[in-house]
Amino acid sequence: MSKAEVARSSAIDIAQEEWEMGIKDPSSKYFVDREGGLYKAQKVDGKWEAGEYIEDEHEMYTYSRIVDYIQDGLQWTWIEKYRNRSFQWCGAFCSFLFRDSVKDDLRHKRFSSTYRLHQWAKEDPSLVVDLKDIQPGDIVIVGKSLKNGGKSYGDHITLAIDVDSSGVHTIEGNAFGEHFSGTRCEGVIKEYRPFKGKGDKYKVKFAYRIQDHHIKDEYLTDAFAIPPSCAVEETLDD
């Protein structure tokens, strides 16, 4: 396996682990910090800010995990508190899945939005995957049709975990779908994204595949261990 293949396989494993943690979005009434502190959301001069600290009795850790995605995935460390809808973190979640493997500057500059990924693919066509060739571990962009208000570069970032002839099974953040608890809610969820869709239904629009030249030089050297599920060959391709 090449380093990029290992990275994509590992991203699937990490996504599954994050889904099993049951990460949910907090109520928009609160801000949460990385340590799990919960704060009342208040509007000051038309802008939402974190107010009084509250000792939370809810699932603080699952809320604060979203700040981990933003700070460790994108390395946007200036975002210290998160409020539901204050930041679209689907790209942050995806960047977190590749935090050990993909170069820091690429995650920092490219993963935060569908627009930035689209521009990256224009500059580096090796990223682009034909929709009929999508594989598990690919970054899949979904969205509404243009006539239904969708963006030309897509609306939402997901990770493919399985593919069939009709669509893609995904794990994604900042979305509403199948939660680990068995309910449908907003957070880290599993969803099925079809290739064809009507109306405002999200469908698969683009797919991008991480390649070897996107991978950190030190990935899978002495500083890293090959994930057990990926260790199929003794020698890695350079």
C-alpha atoms as a PDB file:
ATOM      1  CA  MET A   1       0.000   0.000   0.000  1.00  0.00           C
ATOM      2  CA  SER A   2       1.145   3.527  -0.711  1.00  0.00           C
ATOM      3  CA  LYS A   3       1.243   6.092   2.070  1.00  0.00           C
ATOM      4  CA  ALA A   4      -1.854   7.774   0.633  1.00  0.00           C
ATOM      5  CA  GLU A   5      -3.744   4.466   0.602  1.00  0.00           C
ATOM      6  CA  VAL A   6      -2.850   3.904   4.239  1.00  0.00           C
ATOM      7  CA  ALA A   7      -3.931   7.460   5.069  1.00  0.00           C
ATOM      8  CA  ARG A   8      -7.324   6.989   3.398  1.00  0.00           C
ATOM      9  CA  SER A   9      -7.902   3.656   5.128  1.00  0.00           C
ATOM     10  CA  SER A  10      -6.884   5.128   8.462  1.00  0.00           C
ATOM     11  CA  ALA A  11      -9.273   8.069   7.933  1.00  0.00           C
ATOM     12  CA  ILE A  12     -12.165   5.603   7.662  1.00  0.00           C
ATOM     13  CA  ASP A  13     -11.134   3.905  10.914  1.00  0.00           C
ATOM     14  CA  ILE A  14     -10.868   7.241  12.711  1.00  0.00           C
ATOM     15  CA  ALA A  15     -14.236   8.367  11.333  1.00  0.00           C
ATOM     16  CA  GLN A  16     -15.848   5.192  12.662  1.00  0.00           C
ATOM     17  CA  GLU A  17     -14.272   5.765  16.084  1.00  0.00           C
ATOM     18  CA  GLU A  18     -15.523   9.357  16.160  1.00  0.00           C
ATOM     19  CA  TRP A  19     -19.019   8.237  15.155  1.00  0.00           C
ATOM     20  CA  GLU A  20     -19.019   5.658  17.956  1.00  0.00           C
ATOM     21  CA  MET A  21     -18.165   8.439  20.427  1.00  0.00           C
ATOM     22  CA  GLY A  22     -21.625   9.854  19.811  1.00  0.00           C
ATOM     23  CA  ILE A  23     -20.592  13.438  19.036  1.00  0.00           C
ATOM     24  CA  LYS A  24     -23.558  15.822  19.026  1.00  0.00           C
ATOM     25  CA  ASP A  25     -23.924  19.505  18.298  1.00  0.00           C
ATOM     26  CA  PRO A  26     -24.774  21.609  21.369  1.00  0.00           C
ATOM     27  CA  SER A  27     -27.882  23.740  21.585  1.00  0.00           C
ATOM     28  CA  SER A  28     -27.459  27.160  19.974  1.00  0.00           C
ATOM     29  CA  LYS A  29     -28.200  28.603  23.424  1.00  0.00           C
ATOM     30  CA  TYR A  30     -24.631  27.784  24.485  1.00  0.00           C
ATOM     31  CA  PHE A  31     -20.967  28.099  23.591  1.00  0.00           C
ATOM     32  CA  VAL A  32     -18.592  25.265  24.490  1.00  0.00           C
ATOM     33  CA  ASP A  33     -14.825  25.357  24.904  1.00  0.00           C
ATOM     34  CA  ARG A  34     -12.222  22.648  24.375  1.00  0.00           C
ATOM     35  CA  GLU A  35     -12.204  21.623  28.030  1.00  0.00           C
ATOM     36  CA  GLY A  36     -15.963  21.069  28.018  1.00  0.00           C
ATOM     37  CA  GLY A  37     -16.909  24.338  29.679  1.00  0.00           C
ATOM     38  CA  LEU A  38     -20.396  25.523  28.741  1.00  0.00           C
ATOM     39  CA  TYR A  39     -21.299  29.204  28.475  1.00  0.00           C
ATOM     40  CA  LYS A  40     -24.568  31.026  27.898  1.00  0.00           C
ATOM     41  CA  ALA A  41     -24.757  32.511  24.415  1.00  0.00           C
ATOM     42  CA  GLN A  42     -25.605  36.199  24.446  1.00  0.00           C
ATOM     43  CA  LYS A  43     -25.943  38.793  21.736  1.00  0.00           C
ATOM     44  CA  VAL A  44     -23.774  41.896  22.118  1.00  0.00           C
ATOM     45  CA  ASP A  45     -24.074  44.635  19.499  1.00  0.00           C
ATOM     46  CA  GLY A  46     -25.687  42.156  17.124  1.00  0.00           C
ATOM     47  CA  LYS A  47     -22.954  39.526  17.555  1.00  0.00           C
ATOM     48  CA  TRP A  48     -23.153  36.276  19.496  1.00  0.00           C
ATOM     49  CA  GLU A  49     -20.631  35.972  22.318  1.00  0.00           C
ATOM     50  CA  ALA A  50     -19.937  33.564  25.180  1.00  0.00           C
ATOM     51  CA  GLY A  51     -21.395  34.865  28.421  1.00  0.00           C
ATOM     52  CA  GLU A  52     -21.816  33.377  31.875  1.00  0.00           C
ATOM     53  CA  TYR A  53     -20.116  30.033  32.582  1.00  0.00           C
ATOM     54  CA  ILE A  54     -22.528  27.194  33.345  1.00  0.00           C
ATOM     55  CA  GLU A  55     -21.696  23.898  35.037  1.00  0.00           C
ATOM     56  CA  ASP A  56     -23.043  21.593  32.385  1.00  0.00           C
ATOM     57  CA  GLU A  57     -24.979  18.449  33.206  1.00  0.00           C
ATOM     58  CA  HIS A  58     -25.152  17.299  29.603  1.00  0.00           C
ATOM     59  CA  GLU A  59     -22.644  15.607  27.319  1.00  0.00           C
ATOM     60  CA  MET A  60     -19.915  18.246  27.533  1.00  0.00           C
ATOM     61  CA  TYR A  61     -17.204  16.059  26.080  1.00  0.00           C
ATOM     62  CA  THR A  62     -19.093  15.353  22.893  1.00  0.00           C
ATOM     63  CA  TYR A  63     -19.712  19.073  22.477  1.00  0.00           C
ATOM     64  CA  SER A  64     -16.082  20.041  23.089  1.00  0.00           C
ATOM     65  CA  ARG A  65     -14.876  17.471  20.554  1.00  0.00           C
ATOM     66  CA  ILE A  66     -16.048  19.837  17.825  1.00  0.00           C
ATOM     67  CA  VAL A  67     -13.479  22.379  19.015  1.00  0.00           C
ATOM     68  CA  ASP A  68     -10.854  19.612  18.694  1.00  0.00           C
ATOM     69  CA  TYR A  69     -11.843  19.146  15.045  1.00  0.00           C
ATOM     70  CA  ILE A  70     -11.384  22.853  14.377  1.00  0.00           C
ATOM     71  CA  GLN A  71      -8.141  23.299  16.315  1.00  0.00           C
ATOM     72  CA  ASP A  72      -6.407  19.964  15.585  1.00  0.00           C
ATOM     73  CA  GLY A  73      -7.839  19.351  12.130  1.00  0.00           C
ATOM     74  CA  LEU A  74      -7.687  22.784  10.524  1.00  0.00           C
ATOM     75  CA  GLN A  75      -5.232  24.147  13.087  1.00  0.00           C
ATOM     76  CA  TRP A  76      -7.477  27.191  13.412  1.00  0.00           C
ATOM     77  CA  THR A  77      -6.461  27.706  17.012  1.00  0.00           C
ATOM     78  CA  TRP A  78      -7.993  31.176  17.265  1.00  0.00           C
ATOM     79  CA  ILE A  79     -11.453  29.575  17.439  1.00  0.00           C
ATOM     80  CA  GLU A  80     -11.576  28.764  21.150  1.00  0.00           C
ATOM     81  CA  LYS A  81     -15.328  28.399  21.664  1.00  0.00           C
ATOM     82  CA  TYR A  82     -18.023  26.963  19.449  1.00  0.00           C
ATOM     83  CA  ARG A  83     -21.736  27.627  19.178  1.00  0.00           C
ATOM     84  CA  ASN A  84     -24.058  25.603  16.973  1.00  0.00           C
ATOM     85  CA  ARG A  85     -24.309  27.275  13.548  1.00  0.00           C
ATOM     86  CA  SER A  86     -21.449  29.657  14.337  1.00  0.00           C
ATOM     87  CA  PHE A  87     -19.046  27.607  12.205  1.00  0.00           C
ATOM     88  CA  GLN A  88     -19.654  25.041   9.479  1.00  0.00           C
ATOM     89  CA  TRP A  89     -17.328  22.281  10.713  1.00  0.00           C
ATOM     90  CA  CYS A  90     -17.835  19.536   8.123  1.00  0.00           C
ATOM     91  CA  GLY A  91     -14.427  20.344   6.622  1.00  0.00           C
ATOM     92  CA  ALA A  92     -12.824  20.570  10.054  1.00  0.00           C
ATOM     93  CA  PHE A  93     -14.085  17.058  10.816  1.00  0.00           C
ATOM     94  CA  CYS A  94     -12.660  15.719   7.561  1.00  0.00           C
ATOM     95  CA  SER A  95      -9.322  17.448   8.150  1.00  0.00           C
ATOM     96  CA  PHE A  96      -9.202  15.897  11.629  1.00  0.00           C
ATOM     97  CA  LEU A  97      -9.455  12.432  10.058  1.00  0.00           C
ATOM     98  CA  PHE A  98      -6.279  13.175   8.065  1.00  0.00           C
ATOM     99  CA  ARG A  99      -4.479  15.160  10.783  1.00  0.00           C
ATOM    100  CA  ASP A 100      -1.624  12.647  11.145  1.00  0.00           C
ATOM    101  CA  SER A 101      -1.131  12.071   7.443  1.00  0.00           C
ATOM    102  CA  VAL A 102      -1.886  15.140   5.298  1.00  0.00           C
ATOM    103  CA  LYS A 103       0.508  18.085   5.386  1.00  0.00           C
ATOM    104  CA  ASP A 104      -0.448  20.720   7.935  1.00  0.00           C
ATOM    105  CA  ASP A 105      -0.483  23.627   5.485  1.00  0.00           C
ATOM    106  CA  LEU A 106      -2.890  21.795   3.165  1.00  0.00           C
ATOM    107  CA  ARG A 107      -5.337  21.030   5.961  1.00  0.00           C
ATOM    108  CA  HIS A 108      -5.026  24.583   7.284  1.00  0.00           C
ATOM    109  CA  LYS A 109      -5.678  26.258   3.917  1.00  0.00           C
ATOM    110  CA  ARG A 110      -7.753  23.787   1.921  1.00  0.00           C
ATOM    111  CA  PHE A 111     -10.120  21.715   4.069  1.00  0.00           C
ATOM    112  CA  SER A 112     -12.309  24.351   5.707  1.00  0.00           C
ATOM    113  CA  SER A 113     -14.881  24.713   2.919  1.00  0.00           C
ATOM    114  CA  THR A 114     -16.179  23.222  -0.309  1.00  0.00           C
ATOM    115  CA  TYR A 115     -14.976  26.332  -2.141  1.00  0.00           C
ATOM    116  CA  ARG A 116     -11.381  25.946  -0.912  1.00  0.00           C
ATOM    117  CA  LEU A 117     -11.331  22.246  -1.805  1.00  0.00           C
ATOM    118  CA  HIS A 118     -12.716  23.077  -5.248  1.00  0.00           C
ATOM    119  CA  GLN A 119      -9.995  25.689  -5.821  1.00  0.00           C
ATOM    120  CA  TRP A 120      -7.354  23.210  -4.653  1.00  0.00           C
ATOM    121  CA  ALA A 121      -8.617  20.652  -7.161  1.00  0.00           C
ATOM    122  CA  LYS A 122      -8.339  23.246  -9.929  1.00  0.00           C
ATOM    123  CA  GLU A 123      -4.702  23.796  -8.988  1.00  0.00           C
ATOM    124  CA  ASP A 124      -3.978  20.090  -8.472  1.00  0.00           C
ATOM    125  CA  PRO A 125      -6.061  17.939 -10.868  1.00  0.00           C
ATOM    126  CA  SER A 126      -4.595  14.758  -9.363  1.00  0.00           C
ATOM    127  CA  LEU A 127      -7.150  15.203  -6.551  1.00  0.00           C
ATOM    128  CA  VAL A 128     -10.138  14.841  -8.841  1.00  0.00           C
ATOM    129  CA  VAL A 129     -11.962  11.502  -8.952  1.00  0.00           C
ATOM    130  CA  ASP A 130     -14.622  10.602 -11.477  1.00  0.00           C
ATOM    131  CA  LEU A 131     -17.851   9.887  -9.618  1.00  0.00           C
ATOM    132  CA  LYS A 132     -18.027   6.375 -11.051  1.00  0.00           C
ATOM    133  CA  ASP A 133     -14.601   5.659  -9.546  1.00  0.00           C
ATOM    134  CA  ILE A 134     -15.217   6.805  -5.950  1.00  0.00           C
ATOM    135  CA  GLN A 135     -13.573   4.577  -3.354  1.00  0.00           C
ATOM    136  CA  PRO A 136     -13.796   4.392   0.455  1.00  0.00           C
ATOM    137  CA  GLY A 137     -11.555   7.051   1.961  1.00  0.00           C
ATOM    138  CA  ASP A 138     -12.276   9.625  -0.731  1.00  0.00           C
ATOM    139  CA  ILE A 139     -13.513  13.083   0.206  1.00  0.00           C
ATOM    140  CA  VAL A 140     -16.988  13.429  -1.273  1.00  0.00           C
ATOM    141  CA  ILE A 141     -18.715  16.771  -1.801  1.00  0.00           C
ATOM    142  CA  VAL A 142     -22.498  16.761  -1.793  1.00  0.00           C
ATOM    143  CA  GLY A 143     -25.069  19.473  -2.348  1.00  0.00           C
ATOM    144  CA  LYS A 144     -28.306  20.680  -3.834  1.00  0.00           C
ATOM    145  CA  SER A 145     -28.814  21.389  -7.524  1.00  0.00           C
ATOM    146  CA  LEU A 146     -28.026  24.908  -8.713  1.00  0.00           C
ATOM    147  CA  LYS A 147     -31.670  25.646  -9.449  1.00  0.00           C
ATOM    148  CA  ASN A 148     -32.509  24.732  -5.846  1.00  0.00           C
ATOM    149  CA  GLY A 149     -29.939  27.087  -4.385  1.00  0.00           C
ATOM    150  CA  GLY A 150     -26.914  24.794  -4.322  1.00  0.00           C
ATOM    151  CA  LYS A 151     -23.394  26.128  -4.844  1.00  0.00           C
ATOM    152  CA  SER A 152     -21.499  25.298  -8.027  1.00  0.00           C
ATOM    153  CA  TYR A 153     -18.647  23.857  -5.901  1.00  0.00           C
ATOM    154  CA  GLY A 154     -20.950  21.897  -3.552  1.00  0.00           C
ATOM    155  CA  ASP A 155     -22.460  22.518  -0.142  1.00  0.00           C
ATOM    156  CA  HIS A 156     -21.101  19.925   2.280  1.00  0.00           C
ATOM    157  CA  ILE A 157     -17.954  17.820   2.891  1.00  0.00           C
ATOM    158  CA  THR A 158     -18.138  14.091   3.714  1.00  0.00           C
ATOM    159  CA  LEU A 159     -15.924  10.999   3.824  1.00  0.00           C
ATOM    160  CA  ALA A 160     -16.827   7.944   1.745  1.00  0.00           C
ATOM    161  CA  ILE A 161     -16.839   4.697   3.722  1.00  0.00           C
ATOM    162  CA  ASP A 162     -18.611   2.516   1.138  1.00  0.00           C
ATOM    163  CA  VAL A 163     -19.943   2.888  -2.392  1.00  0.00           C
ATOM    164  CA  ASP A 164     -22.606   1.184  -4.488  1.00  0.00           C
ATOM    165  CA  SER A 165     -24.116   1.821  -7.909  1.00  0.00           C
ATOM    166  CA  SER A 166     -26.640   4.335  -6.591  1.00  0.00           C
ATOM    167  CA  GLY A 167     -24.635   6.387  -4.140  1.00  0.00           C
ATOM    168  CA  VAL A 168     -22.097   6.698  -1.345  1.00  0.00           C
ATOM    169  CA  HIS A 169     -22.275   5.712   2.309  1.00  0.00           C
ATOM    170  CA  THR A 170     -20.587   8.427   4.335  1.00  0.00           C
ATOM    171  CA  ILE A 171     -19.492   9.488   7.785  1.00  0.00           C
ATOM    172  CA  GLU A 172     -19.664  13.247   8.175  1.00  0.00           C
ATOM    173  CA  GLY A 173     -19.687  16.033  10.701  1.00  0.00           C
ATOM    174  CA  ASN A 174     -21.965  19.059  11.050  1.00  0.00           C
ATOM    175  CA  ALA A 175     -24.879  17.182   9.547  1.00  0.00           C
ATOM    176  CA  PHE A 176     -28.217  15.623  10.446  1.00  0.00           C
ATOM    177  CA  GLY A 177     -28.424  11.869  10.113  1.00  0.00           C
ATOM    178  CA  GLU A 178     -27.895   8.482  11.769  1.00  0.00           C
ATOM    179  CA  HIS A 179     -26.300   9.012  15.171  1.00  0.00           C
ATOM    180  CA  PHE A 180     -24.530   6.272  17.138  1.00  0.00           C
ATOM    181  CA  SER A 181     -27.354   6.410  19.698  1.00  0.00           C
ATOM    182  CA  GLY A 182     -29.755   5.061  17.080  1.00  0.00           C
ATOM    183  CA  THR A 183     -31.571   8.362  16.726  1.00  0.00           C
ATOM    184  CA  ARG A 184     -31.370  10.922  13.948  1.00  0.00           C
ATOM    185  CA  CYS A 185     -29.745  14.106  15.134  1.00  0.00           C
ATOM    186  CA  GLU A 186     -27.094  16.711  14.342  1.00  0.00           C
ATOM    187  CA  GLY A 187     -23.412  15.967  14.887  1.00  0.00           C
ATOM    188  CA  VAL A 188     -21.100  13.215  13.609  1.00  0.00           C
ATOM    189  CA  ILE A 189     -23.438  10.976  11.663  1.00  0.00           C
ATOM    190  CA  LYS A 190     -23.714   8.318   8.991  1.00  0.00           C
ATOM    191  CA  GLU A 191     -25.661   9.063   5.847  1.00  0.00           C
ATOM    192  CA  TYR A 192     -26.315   7.755   2.352  1.00  0.00           C
ATOM    193  CA  ARG A 193     -25.700  10.287  -0.417  1.00  0.00           C
ATOM    194  CA  PRO A 194     -27.182   9.353  -3.818  1.00  0.00           C
ATOM    195  CA  PHE A 195     -25.673  10.132  -7.200  1.00  0.00           C
ATOM    196  CA  LYS A 196     -29.037  11.406  -8.383  1.00  0.00           C
ATOM    197  CA  GLY A 197     -31.452  13.536  -6.412  1.00  0.00           C
ATOM    198  CA  LYS A 198     -34.508  15.691  -6.956  1.00  0.00           C
ATOM    199  CA  GLY A 199     -35.441  19.044  -5.479  1.00  0.00           C
ATOM    200  CA  ASP A 200     -33.341  20.230  -2.575  1.00  0.00           C
ATOM    201  CA  LYS A 201     -32.069  16.736  -1.723  1.00  0.00           C
ATOM    202  CA  TYR A 202     -28.278  16.576  -1.380  1.00  0.00           C
ATOM    203  CA  LYS A 203     -26.576  14.415  -3.990  1.00  0.00           C
ATOM    204  CA  VAL A 204     -22.957  13.583  -4.800  1.00  0.00           C
ATOM    205  CA  LYS A 205     -21.343  16.373  -6.838  1.00  0.00           C
ATOM    206  CA  PHE A 206     -17.554  15.963  -6.598  1.00  0.00           C
ATOM    207  CA  ALA A 207     -14.978  13.572  -5.190  1.00  0.00           C
ATOM    208  CA  TYR A 208     -11.344  14.177  -4.247  1.00  0.00           C
ATOM    209  CA  ARG A 209      -8.642  11.640  -3.409  1.00  0.00           C
ATOM    210  CA  ILE A 210      -5.598  12.309  -1.243  1.00  0.00           C
ATOM    211  CA  GLN A 211      -2.399  11.389  -3.105  1.00  0.00           C
ATOM    212  CA  ASP A 212       1.129  10.592  -1.958  1.00  0.00           C
ATOM    213  CA  HIS A 213       2.440  14.109  -2.588  1.00  0.00           C
ATOM    214  CA  HIS A 214      -0.133  15.453  -0.089  1.00  0.00           C
ATOM    215  CA  ILE A 215       1.260  13.274   2.696  1.00  0.00           C
ATOM    216  CA  LYS A 216       3.693  14.416   5.390  1.00  0.00           C
ATOM    217  CA  ASP A 217       7.269  13.233   4.797  1.00  0.00           C
ATOM    218  CA  GLU A 218       7.404  11.711   8.276  1.00  0.00           C
ATOM    219  CA  TYR A 219       4.130   9.784   7.948  1.00  0.00           C
ATOM    220  CA  LEU A 220       4.652   6.061   8.597  1.00  0.00           C
ATOM    221  CA  THR A 221       8.304   6.522   9.444  1.00  0.00           C
ATOM    222  CA  ASP A 222       9.694   5.621  12.884  1.00  0.00           C
ATOM    223  CA  ALA A 223       7.432   8.284  14.415  1.00  0.00           C
ATOM    224  CA  PHE A 224       4.283   6.567  13.182  1.00  0.00           C
ATOM    225  CA  ALA A 225       2.874   3.043  13.351  1.00  0.00           C
ATOM    226  CA  ILE A 226       0.966   1.556  10.465  1.00  0.00           C
ATOM    227  CA  PRO A 227      -2.659   1.056  11.529  1.00  0.00           C
ATOM    228  CA  PRO A 228      -3.209  -2.731  11.928  1.00  0.00           C
ATOM    229  CA  SER A 229      -6.042  -2.739   9.399  1.00  0.00           C
ATOM    230  CA  CYS A 230      -3.713  -1.236   6.785  1.00  0.00           C
ATOM    231  CA  ALA A 231      -0.636  -3.422   7.278  1.00  0.00           C
ATOM    232  CA  VAL A 232      -1.106  -5.659   4.278  1.00  0.00           C
ATOM    233  CA  GLU A 233       2.264  -5.226   2.654  1.00  0.00           C
ATOM    234  CA  GLU A 234       5.634  -5.131   4.304  1.00  0.00           C
ATOM    235  CA  THR A 235       7.026  -2.399   2.032  1.00  0.00           C
ATOM    236  CA  LEU A 236       5.378   0.978   1.474  1.00  0.00           C
ATOM    237  CA  ASP A 237       5.617   2.725  -1.868  1.00  0.00           C
ATOM    238  CA  ASP A 238       7.466   6.028  -1.722  1.00  0.00           C
END
